[in-house]
Amino acid sequence: MDSILFVVVTAAFFAVALNIYLKKLDIPPVIGYIASGILVSQLFTIGEGEARHALDELGEFGIVFLMFTIGLEFSISYLRAMRREVFLFGVLQVVATSALFSIIAIWGMDIEPKAAVVLAAALSMSSTAIVLKILKERGEIGKPYGKQVLGILIFQDIAVIPILLMVAIFSRPDVTPARLILEMIVSGAIVLIVLSTFGKYVITKLLELASGSQTHEILIGAVLLIVIGAALLAHTFDFSYSLGALIAGIMIAETRYKHQVEADLAPFRDLLLGVFFVTVGLQIDLKLFAENIGFIAVFTISAMLLKGVIIYLISRSLSDKSSALRSSIALMQMGEFGFAIFALATQAGILPDKEFLGQLSVSIAISMVLTPFIIKNMERLAALIERNKVKTPPPTHIESAEVSGHVIVVGYGVALGRQAVQMLADQEIPYICIEGQLNKVEEGIERGHAVMFGNAAQKMILEHAGVKTAAAVIIAIDKESDIRLVAEAALEANPNANMVIKTNYQSTPGIFDDLNRINFIDEYKEAARLMIEAALKK
């Protein structure tokens, strides 16, 4: 345990130090995490023992939380509307890429057919963790090409199931393929039925009870229980952890808790994704890379270009040129599922050449390292390929279009907040109210007011309410320490936010002295002024 903790602390030190420096160069944190993994692999002999297995398991839950938060962005109706991207683009991409790579492996590299098919299937996967994280940060998942990319990645996650089934069939000649397929179908039906029922009834009830406790850590605990429980259920039936988490996220997307749940999970998701990227760095053997740099370079570049061309041809035949080009650029890398498929196929005796697999693993890792730089320069690459400036398609939003020029009111649970909301509604001024008590949210919705559930002290909740484009933010809650937290979050999200705060300098003098650009309303002073005005009228 001491050695594992020492490795983790060392990796954390490298990750923090590198990312502080790389941030100044505008290099994505993903690179810092991967570089940390490389440094750790040079300092420690981690091998394939329990420490490595523990890190891999922990890192995999970074993808679990990422897929869960992606699921939160979709209602079932929206996912149904995306069936073209998932089951047409996705199927064609995986099948065409696997077929081409299989042919090259069998005829060009003289690899045994079973091993060639497994290798090709592994290389057809792209990096869900890196691509979705970057597109999410750039706000481009809702764009036409972003929808294509997301649809293909979702199907790739689903495709892991038949790929693992294929590995099982190749490794278990005593069991008929029909029996294995039947087992997979039955298991899939059980997972979907349980999660659907769980999502509609038990999950909603659990979140309602946790929210009603008025204790934030209980709500966070309930959310973690849901995510990990859904992932474990799917894994129990031989599906990927992330597929169960995705389904659970889609279930919660139908409830009022989606924004608060996403805000609560963001720190866990980003931290565990960091661990995952460190484990990617552990896959890069610098000695093996130095000894086989020529083959690895040629293989990596050739595989990425071939994969990009296939995705472009498929997308171009079904969508516009601009979206097809960007989809191919975003998905041309190999992905993290390749490592898992290689490991299982090696254990099954399908891929016996460990040195060759090591070279392929390094190629996959290098393609993942290159991805953030490729996506960051996507527009330049697109313009270079098309030899002219390519206009980015206008964004399309998953939910309603963003509002602007509206007023955000924090605190429907207090009389002042309700009064402010009512006055804004009476004057037909657009507004959004944020409230942390679910019963008050439901009360406001019943009265016809625009109230959303969430903790306004979290920047992500304020961003969901459109703080960057709001005309003003009115903080109507009573507790001044909470007011301070909300004000800091709002200023972090939008340094130019026009905030109006009710306060009482007599009770907590100086608490807001270091906050700028805020309009303070002293409740006692204003009440005294109004009382005197009313008295003098007589």
Protein backbone atom coordinates (compact mmCIF):
# COMPACT_ATOMS: atom_id res chain seq x y z
CA MET A 1 0.00 0.00 0.00
CA ASP A 2 2.85 2.39 0.87
CA SER A 3 4.46 1.83 -2.54
CA ILE A 4 1.16 2.40 -4.36
CA LEU A 5 0.58 5.64 -2.45
CA PHE A 6 4.13 6.76 -3.22
CA VAL A 7 3.57 6.16 -6.95
CA VAL A 8 0.25 8.04 -6.83
CA VAL A 9 1.75 11.01 -4.94
CA THR A 10 4.68 11.17 -7.37
CA ALA A 11 2.33 11.09 -10.36
CA ALA A 12 0.18 13.80 -8.78
CA PHE A 13 3.25 15.98 -8.21
CA PHE A 14 4.36 15.63 -11.84
CA ALA A 15 0.82 16.24 -13.12
CA VAL A 16 0.35 19.44 -11.10
CA ALA A 17 3.81 20.82 -11.84
CA LEU A 18 3.67 20.06 -15.57
CA ASN A 19 0.15 21.35 -16.07
CA ILE A 20 0.88 24.63 -14.29
CA TYR A 21 3.68 25.19 -16.80
CA LEU A 22 1.84 23.80 -19.85
CA LYS A 23 -1.22 25.96 -19.11
CA LYS A 24 0.95 29.03 -19.72
CA LEU A 25 1.73 27.63 -23.19
CA ASP A 26 -1.98 26.92 -23.80
CA ILE A 27 -1.29 23.16 -24.01
CA PRO A 28 -4.21 20.93 -22.86
CA PRO A 29 -3.89 19.26 -19.43
CA VAL A 30 -4.24 15.87 -21.14
CA ILE A 31 -0.63 16.16 -22.33
CA GLY A 32 0.60 16.92 -18.81
CA TYR A 33 -1.15 13.85 -17.43
CA ILE A 34 0.24 11.57 -20.13
CA ALA A 35 3.74 13.01 -19.67
CA SER A 36 3.39 12.36 -15.92
CA GLY A 37 2.62 8.71 -16.67
CA ILE A 38 5.72 8.47 -18.86
CA LEU A 39 7.90 9.95 -16.10
CA VAL A 40 6.41 7.61 -13.49
CA SER A 41 7.02 4.60 -15.75
CA GLN A 42 10.70 5.58 -15.98
CA LEU A 43 11.07 6.00 -12.21
CA PHE A 44 9.12 2.95 -11.01
CA THR A 45 8.78 -0.64 -12.21
CA ILE A 46 4.99 -0.90 -12.14
CA GLY A 47 4.64 -3.83 -14.54
CA GLU A 48 1.33 -5.65 -14.63
CA GLY A 49 0.87 -6.30 -10.91
CA GLU A 50 -1.75 -5.17 -8.43
CA ALA A 51 -0.57 -1.55 -8.37
CA ARG A 52 -0.92 -1.26 -12.15
CA HIS A 53 -4.30 -3.01 -12.08
CA ALA A 54 -5.52 -0.63 -9.36
CA LEU A 55 -4.43 2.42 -11.39
CA ASP A 56 -6.07 1.06 -14.54
CA GLU A 57 -9.35 0.38 -12.72
CA LEU A 58 -9.33 3.84 -11.14
CA GLY A 59 -8.51 5.48 -14.46
CA GLU A 60 -11.30 3.61 -16.22
CA PHE A 61 -13.80 5.31 -13.92
CA GLY A 62 -12.72 8.61 -15.42
CA ILE A 63 -14.35 7.43 -18.66
CA VAL A 64 -17.33 6.20 -16.62
CA PHE A 65 -17.98 9.66 -15.15
CA LEU A 66 -17.37 11.30 -18.54
CA MET A 67 -19.93 9.05 -20.24
CA PHE A 68 -22.40 9.67 -17.41
CA THR A 69 -22.15 13.45 -17.81
CA ILE A 70 -22.48 13.06 -21.59
CA GLY A 71 -25.65 11.03 -20.98
CA LEU A 72 -26.99 13.90 -18.84
CA GLU A 73 -27.00 16.12 -21.93
CA PHE A 74 -29.50 13.92 -23.75
CA SER A 75 -33.08 13.07 -23.18
CA ILE A 76 -34.34 9.75 -24.52
CA SER A 77 -36.21 11.61 -27.26
CA TYR A 78 -33.02 13.38 -28.32
CA LEU A 79 -31.06 10.13 -28.37
CA ARG A 80 -33.83 8.64 -30.51
CA ALA A 81 -33.39 11.57 -32.87
CA MET A 82 -29.64 10.75 -33.01
CA ARG A 83 -30.19 7.18 -34.19
CA ARG A 84 -28.84 8.14 -37.64
CA GLU A 85 -25.51 9.29 -36.20
CA VAL A 86 -25.24 6.29 -33.84
CA PHE A 87 -26.54 3.39 -35.90
CA LEU A 88 -25.65 4.55 -39.42
CA PHE A 89 -22.45 6.60 -39.09
CA GLY A 90 -21.23 4.47 -36.19
CA VAL A 91 -21.90 1.07 -37.78
CA LEU A 92 -20.38 2.06 -41.12
CA GLN A 93 -17.26 3.50 -39.46
CA VAL A 94 -16.51 0.47 -37.27
CA VAL A 95 -17.27 -2.11 -39.99
CA ALA A 96 -15.40 -0.32 -42.80
CA THR A 97 -12.34 0.48 -40.67
CA SER A 98 -12.17 -3.05 -39.23
CA ALA A 99 -12.53 -4.60 -42.70
CA LEU A 100 -9.76 -2.48 -44.26
CA PHE A 101 -7.33 -2.98 -41.37
CA SER A 102 -8.05 -6.73 -41.38
CA ILE A 103 -7.19 -7.00 -45.07
CA ILE A 104 -3.97 -5.04 -44.58
CA ALA A 105 -2.99 -7.18 -41.56
CA ILE A 106 -3.68 -10.50 -43.34
CA TRP A 107 -2.29 -9.74 -46.78
CA GLY A 108 0.24 -7.02 -46.03
CA MET A 109 1.65 -8.12 -42.66
CA ASP A 110 1.03 -11.89 -42.84
CA ILE A 111 -0.90 -12.00 -39.58
CA GLU A 112 -3.12 -14.99 -38.74
CA PRO A 113 -6.79 -14.18 -39.64
CA LYS A 114 -8.23 -14.40 -36.10
CA ALA A 115 -5.49 -12.17 -34.69
CA ALA A 116 -5.85 -9.78 -37.64
CA VAL A 117 -9.59 -9.34 -37.07
CA VAL A 118 -9.11 -8.64 -33.36
CA LEU A 119 -6.28 -6.17 -34.05
CA ALA A 120 -8.35 -4.38 -36.69
CA ALA A 121 -11.36 -4.11 -34.39
CA ALA A 122 -9.17 -2.63 -31.62
CA LEU A 123 -7.66 -0.07 -34.00
CA SER A 124 -11.09 0.97 -35.30
CA MET A 125 -11.89 2.46 -31.87
CA SER A 126 -11.26 6.16 -31.22
CA SER A 127 -10.54 7.91 -27.92
CA THR A 128 -13.84 8.66 -26.19
CA ALA A 129 -12.06 10.15 -23.18
CA ILE A 130 -9.94 12.68 -25.07
CA VAL A 131 -12.28 13.66 -27.91
CA LEU A 132 -15.42 14.15 -25.83
CA LYS A 133 -13.53 16.01 -23.10
CA ILE A 134 -12.07 18.47 -25.61
CA LEU A 135 -15.31 18.95 -27.57
CA LYS A 136 -17.19 19.45 -24.32
CA GLU A 137 -14.71 22.08 -23.15
CA ARG A 138 -14.92 23.84 -26.54
CA GLY A 139 -18.73 23.69 -26.53
CA GLU A 140 -18.80 21.90 -29.91
CA ILE A 141 -20.74 18.72 -29.11
CA GLY A 142 -23.92 20.44 -30.28
CA LYS A 143 -22.47 21.40 -33.67
CA PRO A 144 -23.31 19.23 -36.71
CA TYR A 145 -19.88 17.59 -36.78
CA GLY A 146 -19.96 17.24 -32.98
CA LYS A 147 -23.18 15.24 -33.22
CA GLN A 148 -21.59 12.95 -35.80
CA VAL A 149 -18.52 12.46 -33.62
CA LEU A 150 -20.65 11.76 -30.55
CA GLY A 151 -22.85 9.30 -32.44
CA ILE A 152 -19.84 7.36 -33.73
CA LEU A 153 -18.23 7.29 -30.27
CA ILE A 154 -21.44 6.05 -28.66
CA PHE A 155 -21.65 3.21 -31.17
CA GLN A 156 -17.97 2.40 -30.65
CA ASP A 157 -18.72 2.03 -26.95
CA ILE A 158 -21.58 -0.32 -27.84
CA ALA A 159 -19.36 -2.14 -30.35
CA VAL A 160 -16.98 -3.15 -27.57
CA ILE A 161 -19.61 -5.74 -26.60
CA PRO A 162 -19.55 -7.75 -29.88
CA ILE A 163 -15.76 -7.31 -30.08
CA LEU A 164 -15.33 -8.87 -26.64
CA LEU A 165 -17.83 -11.54 -27.69
CA MET A 166 -15.69 -12.21 -30.75
CA VAL A 167 -12.60 -12.61 -28.54
CA ALA A 168 -14.58 -15.05 -26.37
CA ILE A 169 -15.68 -17.06 -29.41
CA PHE A 170 -12.09 -17.28 -30.71
CA SER A 171 -10.81 -18.36 -27.29
CA ARG A 172 -13.64 -20.83 -26.43
CA PRO A 173 -13.98 -23.29 -29.30
CA ASP A 174 -15.96 -25.61 -27.01
CA VAL A 175 -18.87 -23.12 -26.78
CA THR A 176 -20.99 -22.46 -29.86
CA PRO A 177 -21.22 -18.86 -31.19
CA ALA A 178 -25.03 -19.09 -31.06
CA ARG A 179 -24.94 -19.70 -27.31
CA LEU A 180 -22.57 -16.78 -26.68
CA ILE A 181 -24.73 -14.43 -28.78
CA LEU A 182 -27.87 -15.55 -26.95
CA GLU A 183 -26.15 -14.91 -23.59
CA MET A 184 -25.18 -11.42 -24.75
CA ILE A 185 -28.73 -10.57 -25.90
CA VAL A 186 -30.27 -11.80 -22.64
CA SER A 187 -27.71 -9.90 -20.56
CA GLY A 188 -28.28 -6.72 -22.57
CA ALA A 189 -32.04 -6.94 -22.12
CA ILE A 190 -31.65 -7.39 -18.34
CA VAL A 191 -29.33 -4.35 -18.07
CA LEU A 192 -31.65 -2.12 -20.11
CA ILE A 193 -34.79 -3.18 -18.24
CA VAL A 194 -33.21 -2.82 -14.80
CA LEU A 195 -31.60 0.55 -15.55
CA SER A 196 -34.72 1.91 -17.24
CA THR A 197 -36.93 0.95 -14.31
CA PHE A 198 -34.28 2.06 -11.84
CA GLY A 199 -33.86 5.35 -13.68
CA LYS A 200 -37.55 6.19 -13.84
CA TYR A 201 -38.48 5.35 -10.29
CA VAL A 202 -35.76 4.48 -7.80
CA ILE A 203 -33.13 6.98 -9.03
CA THR A 204 -35.61 9.85 -9.03
CA LYS A 205 -36.86 8.93 -5.56
CA LEU A 206 -33.31 8.60 -4.22
CA LEU A 207 -32.34 12.03 -5.56
CA GLU A 208 -35.54 13.53 -4.17
CA LEU A 209 -34.82 12.16 -0.68
CA ALA A 210 -31.16 13.23 -0.83
CA SER A 211 -32.11 16.72 -1.98
CA GLY A 212 -34.77 16.97 0.72
CA SER A 213 -32.14 16.33 3.39
CA GLN A 214 -30.73 19.82 2.69
CA THR A 215 -27.22 18.36 3.12
CA HIS A 216 -25.12 18.72 0.00
CA GLU A 217 -22.73 15.84 0.69
CA ILE A 218 -25.69 13.44 0.94
CA LEU A 219 -26.79 14.47 -2.55
CA ILE A 220 -23.26 13.99 -3.87
CA GLY A 221 -23.13 10.57 -2.20
CA ALA A 222 -26.42 9.60 -3.83
CA VAL A 223 -25.13 10.65 -7.25
CA LEU A 224 -21.90 8.67 -6.82
CA LEU A 225 -23.94 5.65 -5.74
CA ILE A 226 -26.07 5.90 -8.89
CA VAL A 227 -23.09 6.25 -11.26
CA ILE A 228 -20.97 3.49 -9.74
CA GLY A 229 -23.98 1.22 -9.22
CA ALA A 230 -25.08 1.55 -12.87
CA ALA A 231 -21.51 0.94 -14.08
CA LEU A 232 -21.14 -2.12 -11.83
CA LEU A 233 -24.48 -3.54 -12.99
CA ALA A 234 -23.43 -3.31 -16.63
CA HIS A 235 -20.01 -4.82 -15.88
CA THR A 236 -21.62 -7.71 -13.99
CA PHE A 237 -23.31 -8.71 -17.26
CA ASP A 238 -20.02 -8.40 -19.22
CA PHE A 239 -20.70 -4.95 -20.67
CA SER A 240 -18.41 -1.96 -20.27
CA TYR A 241 -18.64 0.19 -17.16
CA SER A 242 -19.13 3.30 -19.30
CA LEU A 243 -22.16 1.90 -21.15
CA GLY A 244 -24.06 1.47 -17.87
CA ALA A 245 -23.08 4.97 -16.78
CA LEU A 246 -24.24 6.43 -20.11
CA ILE A 247 -27.68 4.82 -19.74
CA ALA A 248 -27.97 6.09 -16.14
CA GLY A 249 -27.09 9.60 -17.30
CA ILE A 250 -29.78 9.50 -19.96
CA MET A 251 -32.30 8.44 -17.32
CA ILE A 252 -31.43 11.38 -15.04
CA ALA A 253 -31.52 13.77 -18.02
CA GLU A 254 -35.30 13.40 -17.89
CA THR A 255 -35.41 14.84 -14.35
CA ARG A 256 -34.91 18.32 -12.85
CA TYR A 257 -31.68 17.25 -11.20
CA LYS A 258 -29.54 17.07 -14.33
CA HIS A 259 -27.72 20.42 -13.98
CA GLN A 260 -26.96 19.99 -10.28
CA VAL A 261 -25.83 16.39 -10.78
CA GLU A 262 -23.48 17.42 -13.58
CA ALA A 263 -22.02 20.23 -11.45
CA ASP A 264 -21.48 17.86 -8.50
CA LEU A 265 -19.77 15.22 -10.64
CA ALA A 266 -17.45 17.55 -12.55
CA PRO A 267 -14.59 17.42 -9.98
CA PHE A 268 -14.73 13.60 -9.76
CA ARG A 269 -14.88 13.27 -13.54
CA ASP A 270 -11.92 15.57 -14.20
CA LEU A 271 -9.80 14.05 -11.43
CA LEU A 272 -10.40 10.45 -12.52
CA LEU A 273 -9.90 11.34 -16.18
CA GLY A 274 -6.53 12.69 -15.11
CA VAL A 275 -5.73 9.30 -13.56
CA PHE A 276 -6.81 7.61 -16.80
CA PHE A 277 -4.48 9.76 -18.89
CA VAL A 278 -1.63 8.98 -16.49
CA THR A 279 -2.25 5.26 -17.16
CA VAL A 280 -2.06 6.03 -20.90
CA GLY A 281 1.39 7.49 -20.28
CA LEU A 282 2.35 4.27 -18.50
CA GLN A 283 1.71 2.41 -21.78
CA ILE A 284 4.50 4.31 -23.55
CA ASP A 285 7.75 2.34 -23.29
CA LEU A 286 10.47 4.83 -24.26
CA LYS A 287 13.06 2.08 -24.78
CA LEU A 288 10.74 0.16 -27.10
CA PHE A 289 9.88 3.42 -28.88
CA ALA A 290 13.57 4.27 -29.42
CA GLU A 291 14.37 0.80 -30.75
CA ASN A 292 11.40 0.74 -33.18
CA ILE A 293 10.89 4.43 -33.89
CA GLY A 294 10.74 3.95 -37.66
CA PHE A 295 8.04 1.28 -37.64
CA ILE A 296 6.01 3.03 -34.93
CA ALA A 297 6.10 6.38 -36.73
CA VAL A 298 5.09 4.90 -40.09
CA PHE A 299 2.38 2.72 -38.54
CA THR A 300 0.91 5.56 -36.45
CA ILE A 301 0.76 8.06 -39.30
CA SER A 302 -0.55 5.49 -41.82
CA ALA A 303 -3.24 4.16 -39.48
CA MET A 304 -4.46 7.67 -38.56
CA LEU A 305 -4.57 8.83 -42.18
CA LEU A 306 -6.38 5.68 -43.36
CA LYS A 307 -8.89 5.94 -40.53
CA GLY A 308 -9.44 9.64 -41.24
CA VAL A 309 -10.07 8.96 -44.94
CA ILE A 310 -12.59 6.20 -44.17
CA ILE A 311 -14.51 8.42 -41.73
CA TYR A 312 -14.48 11.31 -44.21
CA LEU A 313 -15.82 9.16 -47.07
CA ILE A 314 -18.60 7.74 -44.87
CA SER A 315 -19.59 11.13 -43.43
CA ARG A 316 -19.30 12.90 -46.80
CA SER A 317 -21.78 10.50 -48.38
CA LEU A 318 -24.31 11.23 -45.63
CA SER A 319 -23.66 14.87 -44.65
CA ASP A 320 -22.02 18.11 -45.78
CA LYS A 321 -18.33 18.41 -46.65
CA SER A 322 -17.46 20.67 -43.71
CA SER A 323 -18.91 18.35 -41.05
CA ALA A 324 -17.37 15.28 -42.70
CA LEU A 325 -13.91 16.83 -42.72
CA ARG A 326 -14.05 17.88 -39.07
CA SER A 327 -15.45 14.51 -37.97
CA SER A 328 -12.58 12.69 -39.69
CA ILE A 329 -9.98 14.99 -38.11
CA ALA A 330 -11.47 14.55 -34.63
CA LEU A 331 -11.69 10.73 -34.80
CA MET A 332 -8.55 9.72 -36.70
CA GLN A 333 -6.68 8.57 -33.57
CA MET A 334 -6.80 5.12 -31.98
CA GLY A 335 -8.46 4.83 -28.58
CA GLU A 336 -8.17 3.57 -25.03
CA PHE A 337 -10.37 0.51 -25.64
CA GLY A 338 -7.57 -0.83 -27.82
CA PHE A 339 -5.45 -1.45 -24.70
CA ALA A 340 -8.24 -3.45 -23.07
CA ILE A 341 -8.88 -5.52 -26.21
CA PHE A 342 -5.15 -6.25 -26.60
CA ALA A 343 -4.93 -7.38 -22.97
CA LEU A 344 -7.92 -9.74 -23.21
CA ALA A 345 -6.83 -11.16 -26.57
CA THR A 346 -3.33 -11.78 -25.19
CA GLN A 347 -4.75 -13.63 -22.17
CA ALA A 348 -6.87 -15.72 -24.54
CA GLY A 349 -3.79 -16.66 -26.59
CA ILE A 350 -5.06 -14.95 -29.76
CA LEU A 351 -2.24 -12.35 -29.86
CA PRO A 352 0.94 -14.14 -28.73
CA ASP A 353 3.58 -11.67 -30.08
CA LYS A 354 4.07 -9.37 -27.06
CA GLU A 355 6.78 -7.22 -28.66
CA PHE A 356 4.55 -6.46 -31.66
CA LEU A 357 1.66 -5.66 -29.31
CA GLY A 358 3.96 -3.35 -27.36
CA GLN A 359 4.73 -1.45 -30.56
CA LEU A 360 1.01 -1.16 -31.36
CA SER A 361 0.27 0.02 -27.80
CA VAL A 362 2.89 2.76 -28.13
CA SER A 363 1.34 3.76 -31.48
CA ILE A 364 -2.10 4.03 -29.90
CA ALA A 365 -0.73 6.13 -27.02
CA ILE A 366 1.15 8.45 -29.41
CA SER A 367 -1.98 8.97 -31.53
CA MET A 368 -3.85 9.92 -28.34
CA VAL A 369 -1.09 12.38 -27.37
CA LEU A 370 -1.33 14.04 -30.80
CA THR A 371 -5.13 14.36 -30.65
CA PRO A 372 -5.42 17.51 -28.46
CA PHE A 373 -3.05 19.38 -30.78
CA ILE A 374 -4.90 18.14 -33.87
CA ILE A 375 -8.33 19.19 -32.58
CA LYS A 376 -6.98 22.52 -31.33
CA ASN A 377 -5.76 23.28 -34.87
CA MET A 378 -8.77 21.71 -36.58
CA GLU A 379 -9.82 24.88 -38.43
CA ARG A 380 -6.30 25.43 -39.79
CA LEU A 381 -6.09 21.82 -40.94
CA ALA A 382 -9.53 22.05 -42.57
CA ALA A 383 -8.59 25.27 -44.36
CA LEU A 384 -5.29 23.72 -45.48
CA ILE A 385 -7.01 20.61 -46.83
CA GLU A 386 -9.70 22.56 -48.65
CA ARG A 387 -7.19 25.26 -49.66
CA ASN A 388 -9.47 28.05 -48.53
CA LYS A 389 -11.06 29.38 -45.39
CA VAL A 390 -13.74 26.99 -44.20
CA LYS A 391 -16.56 28.62 -42.28
CA THR A 392 -17.52 26.82 -39.13
CA PRO A 393 -21.17 25.70 -39.18
CA PRO A 394 -23.34 27.66 -36.76
CA PRO A 395 -23.75 25.83 -33.45
CA THR A 396 -26.90 23.91 -32.77
CA HIS A 397 -27.82 23.45 -29.14
CA ILE A 398 -28.96 20.24 -27.59
CA GLU A 399 -31.52 22.07 -25.52
CA SER A 400 -33.13 25.44 -26.20
CA ALA A 401 -31.02 28.24 -27.62
CA GLU A 402 -29.04 30.28 -25.12
CA VAL A 403 -30.84 33.26 -23.67
CA SER A 404 -29.17 36.65 -23.35
CA GLY A 405 -30.02 39.96 -21.76
CA HIS A 406 -31.96 38.18 -19.02
CA VAL A 407 -31.85 38.52 -15.24
CA ILE A 408 -30.66 35.69 -13.00
CA VAL A 409 -32.28 35.61 -9.57
CA VAL A 410 -30.62 33.44 -6.91
CA GLY A 411 -32.97 32.29 -4.14
CA TYR A 412 -36.62 31.48 -4.78
CA GLY A 413 -36.90 30.00 -1.27
CA VAL A 414 -36.80 33.45 0.38
CA ALA A 415 -39.52 36.09 0.15
CA LEU A 416 -37.22 38.65 -1.51
CA GLY A 417 -36.34 36.25 -4.33
CA ARG A 418 -40.00 35.37 -4.95
CA GLN A 419 -40.92 39.05 -5.00
CA ALA A 420 -38.13 39.82 -7.47
CA VAL A 421 -39.22 36.97 -9.74
CA GLN A 422 -42.86 38.07 -9.63
CA MET A 423 -41.95 41.68 -10.48
CA LEU A 424 -39.77 40.56 -13.40
CA ALA A 425 -42.57 38.31 -14.66
CA ASP A 426 -45.15 41.12 -14.31
CA GLN A 427 -42.95 43.45 -16.36
CA GLU A 428 -42.28 40.67 -18.91
CA ILE A 429 -38.52 40.88 -18.35
CA PRO A 430 -36.78 37.56 -19.20
CA TYR A 431 -35.32 35.85 -16.15
CA ILE A 432 -34.12 32.55 -14.72
CA CYS A 433 -34.25 31.77 -11.01
CA ILE A 434 -31.87 29.31 -9.31
CA GLU A 435 -33.02 27.52 -6.17
CA GLY A 436 -31.39 24.74 -4.15
CA GLN A 437 -34.52 23.34 -2.45
CA LEU A 438 -36.52 21.04 -4.70
CA ASN A 439 -39.87 21.75 -3.02
CA LYS A 440 -39.37 25.47 -3.67
CA VAL A 441 -38.45 24.73 -7.29
CA GLU A 442 -41.67 22.74 -7.73
CA GLU A 443 -43.63 25.51 -6.00
CA GLY A 444 -42.22 28.08 -8.42
CA ILE A 445 -42.91 25.94 -11.48
CA GLU A 446 -46.51 25.43 -10.31
CA ARG A 447 -46.86 29.23 -10.17
CA GLY A 448 -45.59 29.48 -13.73
CA HIS A 449 -42.16 30.85 -12.84
CA ALA A 450 -38.89 29.86 -14.55
CA VAL A 451 -37.06 28.16 -11.67
CA MET A 452 -34.24 25.65 -12.07
CA PHE A 453 -32.81 23.33 -9.42
CA GLY A 454 -29.16 23.80 -8.52
CA ASN A 455 -26.52 25.20 -6.18
CA ALA A 456 -25.76 28.73 -7.42
CA ALA A 457 -22.36 28.66 -5.67
CA GLN A 458 -21.16 26.31 -8.44
CA LYS A 459 -19.92 27.99 -11.60
CA MET A 460 -21.36 25.29 -13.85
CA ILE A 461 -24.89 25.91 -12.54
CA LEU A 462 -24.53 29.64 -13.22
CA GLU A 463 -23.25 28.87 -16.72
CA HIS A 464 -26.30 26.68 -17.36
CA ALA A 465 -28.40 29.71 -16.37
CA GLY A 466 -26.52 31.85 -18.91
CA VAL A 467 -24.46 34.03 -16.56
CA LYS A 468 -22.06 34.97 -19.36
CA THR A 469 -24.84 36.69 -21.33
CA ALA A 470 -27.09 37.83 -18.47
CA ALA A 471 -27.96 41.51 -18.03
CA ALA A 472 -27.83 41.19 -14.24
CA VAL A 473 -27.51 38.73 -11.37
CA ILE A 474 -29.67 39.38 -8.30
CA ILE A 475 -28.53 37.45 -5.20
CA ALA A 476 -31.52 37.37 -2.88
CA ILE A 477 -30.47 34.73 -0.32
CA ASP A 478 -29.99 35.66 3.35
CA LYS A 479 -26.80 34.05 4.64
CA GLU A 480 -23.91 36.36 3.75
CA SER A 481 -21.27 33.61 3.64
CA ASP A 482 -23.41 31.89 0.99
CA ILE A 483 -23.87 35.20 -0.83
CA ARG A 484 -20.09 35.52 -0.93
CA LEU A 485 -19.70 32.04 -2.48
CA VAL A 486 -22.31 32.77 -5.16
CA ALA A 487 -20.72 36.15 -5.94
CA GLU A 488 -17.27 34.57 -6.32
CA ALA A 489 -18.64 31.84 -8.61
CA ALA A 490 -20.48 34.40 -10.75
CA LEU A 491 -17.39 36.59 -11.09
CA GLU A 492 -15.29 33.55 -12.00
CA ALA A 493 -17.75 32.62 -14.73
CA ASN A 494 -18.17 36.20 -15.91
CA PRO A 495 -15.76 38.84 -14.55
CA ASN A 496 -18.01 41.57 -15.98
CA ALA A 497 -21.20 40.28 -14.37
CA ASN A 498 -23.59 43.02 -13.21
CA MET A 499 -24.46 41.83 -9.70
CA VAL A 500 -26.93 43.20 -7.21
CA ILE A 501 -26.55 41.98 -3.62
CA LYS A 502 -28.68 42.52 -0.53
CA THR A 503 -26.47 42.83 2.50
CA ASN A 504 -26.15 44.26 6.00
CA TYR A 505 -22.78 45.82 6.77
CA GLN A 506 -23.66 46.13 10.45
CA SER A 507 -23.80 42.34 10.99
CA THR A 508 -20.76 41.34 8.87
CA PRO A 509 -18.64 44.42 8.13
CA GLY A 510 -16.00 44.07 5.40
CA ILE A 511 -17.10 40.67 4.08
CA PHE A 512 -17.44 42.00 0.49
CA ASP A 513 -14.74 44.68 0.54
CA ASP A 514 -12.46 42.86 -1.92
CA LEU A 515 -15.20 42.19 -4.50
CA ASN A 516 -15.49 44.74 -7.29
CA ARG A 517 -18.23 45.60 -9.79
CA ILE A 518 -21.04 44.74 -7.37
CA ASN A 519 -24.08 46.87 -6.55
CA PHE A 520 -24.73 46.57 -2.81
CA ILE A 521 -28.17 47.18 -1.34
CA ASP A 522 -27.95 47.64 2.43
CA GLU A 523 -31.26 46.27 3.67
CA TYR A 524 -31.43 48.39 6.83
CA LYS A 525 -30.38 51.60 5.09
CA GLU A 526 -32.90 51.12 2.27
CA ALA A 527 -35.68 50.17 4.68
CA ALA A 528 -34.93 53.26 6.80
CA ARG A 529 -34.92 55.49 3.70
CA LEU A 530 -38.29 54.17 2.52
CA MET A 531 -39.82 54.51 6.00
CA ILE A 532 -38.69 58.14 6.28
CA GLU A 533 -39.98 58.90 2.76
CA ALA A 534 -43.36 57.41 3.71
CA ALA A 535 -43.45 59.43 6.95
CA LEU A 536 -42.53 62.72 5.24
CA LYS A 537 -45.29 62.28 2.63
CA LYS A 538 -47.79 63.06 5.43
